[in-house]
Amino acid sequence: MSLETVVEDIREEARARAEEIRTEADSEAEEIVGEAEAEAEEIRAQREREVERRIEQERERRLSSATLEAKQERLKARRTALSTVRERVEERLAELEEDRRKRLTRETLEAALAEFDGGEIEVYCRPADEELVEGILTEYDATLAGEVECLGGVVVESTASRVRVNNTFDSLLEDVWDDEIREISDRLFADEDLEIEPEK
């Protein structure tokens, strides 16, 4: 075997080895690139999921905030409407026609007097009803003792006890209002699902 043949064999061997190394390197490079692309895709997908999660959280936060604000506005509107209803009731009580006022005042007086057993009975009423109450008191063992700011009705006290009975239209309205506010609210706002409590 000549030296030239040996050199050619070595060259062939080197070429084959170089081609093998190049093929392995290409394969390894493809694998590295594939892994990098897969990792990049996973990072991109993860970031997309994170962005979507943040968007959803922000949407939920804004929706929740808007829902709460709308509920508060509806509740405010309800309170305003109920306050208007109450004011109108008070106006009507303050402006009752004379016969009805006399009948209701007599009823509040009789109910209050039933709470006492003797002693000097003192009655208080609104200034505009003094003459009316004095007329009614001629039938009872009680005296008109003064004025009280109210829509009508009476406050009755006894000198024999520390009992004071407030049978003014105001206190009776307050009791009825507290008992009936839910029903009043339901009638006014039948299509809504808010609950409203009486303001103290």
Protein backbone atom coordinates (compact mmCIF):
# COMPACT_ATOMS: atom_id res chain seq x y z
CA MET A 1 0.00 0.00 0.00
CA SER A 2 1.43 3.26 -1.06
CA LEU A 3 1.71 6.34 1.09
CA GLU A 4 -0.74 8.09 -1.17
CA THR A 5 -3.35 5.39 -0.54
CA VAL A 6 -2.83 5.65 3.20
CA VAL A 7 -3.24 9.43 3.04
CA GLU A 8 -6.40 9.04 0.97
CA ASP A 9 -7.82 6.51 3.47
CA ILE A 10 -7.08 8.89 6.33
CA ARG A 11 -8.75 11.71 4.41
CA GLU A 12 -11.78 9.55 3.72
CA GLU A 13 -11.91 8.56 7.40
CA ALA A 14 -11.58 12.22 8.44
CA ARG A 15 -14.31 13.25 6.01
CA ALA A 16 -16.61 10.50 7.22
CA ARG A 17 -15.89 11.44 10.83
CA ALA A 18 -16.44 15.16 10.04
CA GLU A 19 -19.72 14.34 8.29
CA GLU A 20 -20.77 12.22 11.29
CA ILE A 21 -19.87 15.04 13.69
CA ARG A 22 -21.68 17.57 11.46
CA THR A 23 -24.77 15.34 11.31
CA GLU A 24 -24.68 14.85 15.09
CA ALA A 25 -24.21 18.59 15.57
CA ASP A 26 -27.09 19.36 13.21
CA SER A 27 -29.27 16.87 15.04
CA GLU A 28 -28.22 18.27 18.40
CA ALA A 29 -28.77 21.82 17.16
CA GLU A 30 -32.22 20.89 15.89
CA GLU A 31 -33.00 19.31 19.25
CA ILE A 32 -31.75 22.40 21.11
CA VAL A 33 -33.72 24.69 18.78
CA GLY A 34 -36.83 22.47 19.18
CA GLU A 35 -36.50 22.51 22.97
CA ALA A 36 -35.96 26.29 22.95
CA GLU A 37 -38.98 26.80 20.70
CA ALA A 38 -41.12 24.53 22.92
CA GLU A 39 -39.91 26.39 26.00
CA ALA A 40 -40.59 29.73 24.31
CA GLU A 41 -44.08 28.52 23.32
CA GLU A 42 -44.76 27.39 26.91
CA ILE A 43 -43.55 30.75 28.27
CA ARG A 44 -45.72 32.58 25.70
CA ALA A 45 -48.74 30.42 26.56
CA GLN A 46 -48.10 30.90 30.29
CA ARG A 47 -47.85 34.67 29.83
CA GLU A 48 -51.05 34.67 27.76
CA ARG A 49 -52.82 32.74 30.51
CA GLU A 50 -51.50 35.20 33.10
CA VAL A 51 -52.65 38.19 31.01
CA GLU A 52 -56.06 36.57 30.49
CA ARG A 53 -56.29 35.84 34.24
CA ARG A 54 -55.44 39.46 35.04
CA ILE A 55 -57.95 40.73 32.47
CA GLU A 56 -60.63 38.45 33.95
CA GLN A 57 -59.79 39.59 37.49
CA GLU A 58 -59.98 43.24 36.44
CA ARG A 59 -63.26 42.60 34.60
CA GLU A 60 -64.69 40.86 37.69
CA ARG A 61 -63.44 43.69 39.94
CA ARG A 62 -65.02 46.35 37.73
CA LEU A 63 -68.23 44.38 37.33
CA SER A 64 -68.43 43.86 41.09
CA SER A 65 -67.74 47.55 41.70
CA ALA A 66 -70.36 48.61 39.13
CA THR A 67 -72.90 46.16 40.58
CA LEU A 68 -72.30 47.49 44.10
CA GLU A 69 -72.55 51.08 42.89
CA ALA A 70 -75.82 50.33 41.06
CA LYS A 71 -77.21 48.59 44.15
CA GLN A 72 -76.25 51.58 46.31
CA GLU A 73 -77.89 53.98 43.85
CA ARG A 74 -81.09 51.89 43.81
CA LEU A 75 -81.05 51.72 47.60
CA LYS A 76 -80.57 55.50 47.75
CA ALA A 77 -83.47 55.98 45.31
CA ARG A 78 -85.63 53.67 47.43
CA ARG A 79 -84.81 55.57 50.61
CA THR A 80 -85.60 58.84 48.86
CA ALA A 81 -88.93 57.47 47.59
CA LEU A 82 -89.82 56.07 51.02
CA SER A 83 -88.85 59.36 52.64
CA THR A 84 -91.15 61.16 50.19
CA VAL A 85 -93.99 58.75 51.00
CA ARG A 86 -93.44 59.35 54.72
CA GLU A 87 -93.40 63.12 54.26
CA ARG A 88 -96.69 62.94 52.37
CA VAL A 89 -98.25 60.83 55.12
CA GLU A 90 -97.07 63.36 57.71
CA GLU A 91 -98.50 66.22 55.63
CA ARG A 92 -101.86 64.44 55.39
CA LEU A 93 -101.89 63.81 59.15
CA ALA A 94 -101.07 67.45 59.85
CA GLU A 95 -103.89 68.58 57.52
CA LEU A 96 -106.67 66.18 58.60
CA GLU A 97 -110.13 67.64 58.29
CA GLU A 98 -111.66 68.67 61.63
CA ASP A 99 -114.15 65.83 62.22
CA ARG A 100 -111.60 63.16 61.50
CA ARG A 101 -108.95 64.92 63.60
CA LYS A 102 -111.42 65.18 66.50
CA ARG A 103 -112.31 61.48 66.27
CA LEU A 104 -108.68 60.35 66.09
CA THR A 105 -107.63 62.70 68.90
CA ARG A 106 -110.43 61.35 71.11
CA GLU A 107 -109.29 57.77 70.35
CA THR A 108 -105.66 58.54 71.21
CA LEU A 109 -106.76 60.25 74.44
CA GLU A 110 -109.00 57.37 75.51
CA ALA A 111 -106.26 54.82 74.79
CA ALA A 112 -103.79 56.88 76.84
CA LEU A 113 -106.21 57.41 79.76
CA ALA A 114 -106.75 53.63 80.00
CA GLU A 115 -103.10 53.37 81.14
CA PHE A 116 -103.69 55.35 84.37
CA ASP A 117 -105.24 54.51 87.76
CA GLY A 118 -106.00 57.82 89.45
CA GLY A 119 -103.97 60.90 90.11
CA GLU A 120 -104.22 64.19 88.33
CA ILE A 121 -104.08 63.59 84.58
CA GLU A 122 -102.32 66.17 82.42
CA VAL A 123 -102.67 66.28 78.66
CA TYR A 124 -100.39 67.90 76.10
CA CYS A 125 -101.21 68.50 72.43
CA ARG A 126 -100.01 70.45 69.43
CA PRO A 127 -100.71 74.21 69.64
CA ALA A 128 -103.17 74.14 66.72
CA ASP A 129 -105.30 71.50 68.51
CA GLU A 130 -105.62 73.20 71.93
CA GLU A 131 -109.22 74.29 71.41
CA LEU A 132 -110.18 70.89 70.00
CA VAL A 133 -108.54 69.02 72.92
CA GLU A 134 -110.07 71.35 75.54
CA GLY A 135 -113.50 70.57 74.07
CA ILE A 136 -112.85 66.83 74.29
CA LEU A 137 -111.43 67.07 77.84
CA THR A 138 -114.75 68.42 79.21
CA GLU A 139 -115.91 64.79 79.05
CA TYR A 140 -112.93 63.43 81.01
CA ASP A 141 -111.23 63.98 84.36
CA ALA A 142 -108.08 65.51 82.84
CA THR A 143 -106.67 68.96 82.16
CA LEU A 144 -104.80 70.50 79.29
CA ALA A 145 -101.31 71.18 80.69
CA GLY A 146 -99.38 72.48 77.71
CA GLU A 147 -98.10 72.07 74.20
CA VAL A 148 -96.00 69.48 72.45
CA GLU A 149 -94.59 69.65 68.93
CA CYS A 150 -96.34 66.94 66.94
CA LEU A 151 -98.66 66.23 64.02
CA GLY A 152 -101.61 65.63 66.31
CA GLY A 153 -102.78 63.30 69.05
CA VAL A 154 -101.83 63.68 72.70
CA VAL A 155 -99.19 63.05 75.34
CA VAL A 156 -100.69 62.15 78.72
CA GLU A 157 -99.04 62.16 82.16
CA SER A 158 -100.21 61.43 85.68
CA THR A 159 -99.03 63.20 88.82
CA ALA A 160 -99.51 59.91 90.70
CA SER A 161 -96.92 58.04 88.66
CA ARG A 162 -94.00 58.64 86.41
CA VAL A 163 -95.86 57.15 83.47
CA ARG A 164 -95.99 59.21 80.31
CA VAL A 165 -98.01 57.91 77.37
CA ASN A 166 -97.08 59.30 73.98
CA ASN A 167 -100.09 58.83 71.72
CA THR A 168 -99.16 61.49 69.22
CA PHE A 169 -99.77 60.82 65.55
CA ASP A 170 -95.98 60.98 65.17
CA SER A 171 -95.30 58.11 67.58
CA LEU A 172 -98.16 56.04 66.15
CA LEU A 173 -96.86 56.66 62.62
CA GLU A 174 -93.38 55.63 63.76
CA ASP A 175 -94.72 52.32 65.10
CA VAL A 176 -96.76 51.63 61.97
CA TRP A 177 -93.88 52.69 59.72
CA ASP A 178 -91.41 50.33 61.42
CA ASP A 179 -93.91 47.46 61.27
CA GLU A 180 -94.97 48.06 57.67
CA ILE A 181 -91.88 49.44 55.93
CA ARG A 182 -91.01 46.12 54.31
CA GLU A 183 -94.52 45.79 52.85
CA ILE A 184 -94.53 49.45 51.77
CA SER A 185 -91.16 48.94 50.11
CA ASP A 186 -92.33 45.73 48.42
CA ARG A 187 -95.37 47.52 47.00
CA LEU A 188 -93.33 50.43 45.69
CA PHE A 189 -90.49 48.31 44.34
CA ALA A 190 -92.07 44.96 43.50
CA ASP A 191 -89.66 44.30 40.61
CA GLU A 192 -86.46 44.78 42.62
CA ASP A 193 -84.75 42.43 45.05
CA LEU A 194 -83.18 44.90 47.50
CA GLU A 195 -84.09 44.90 51.13
CA ILE A 196 -84.40 48.15 53.00
CA GLU A 197 -84.36 48.71 56.71
CA PRO A 198 -85.98 51.66 58.45
CA GLU A 199 -83.62 54.53 59.18
CA LYS A 200 -83.17 55.15 62.89
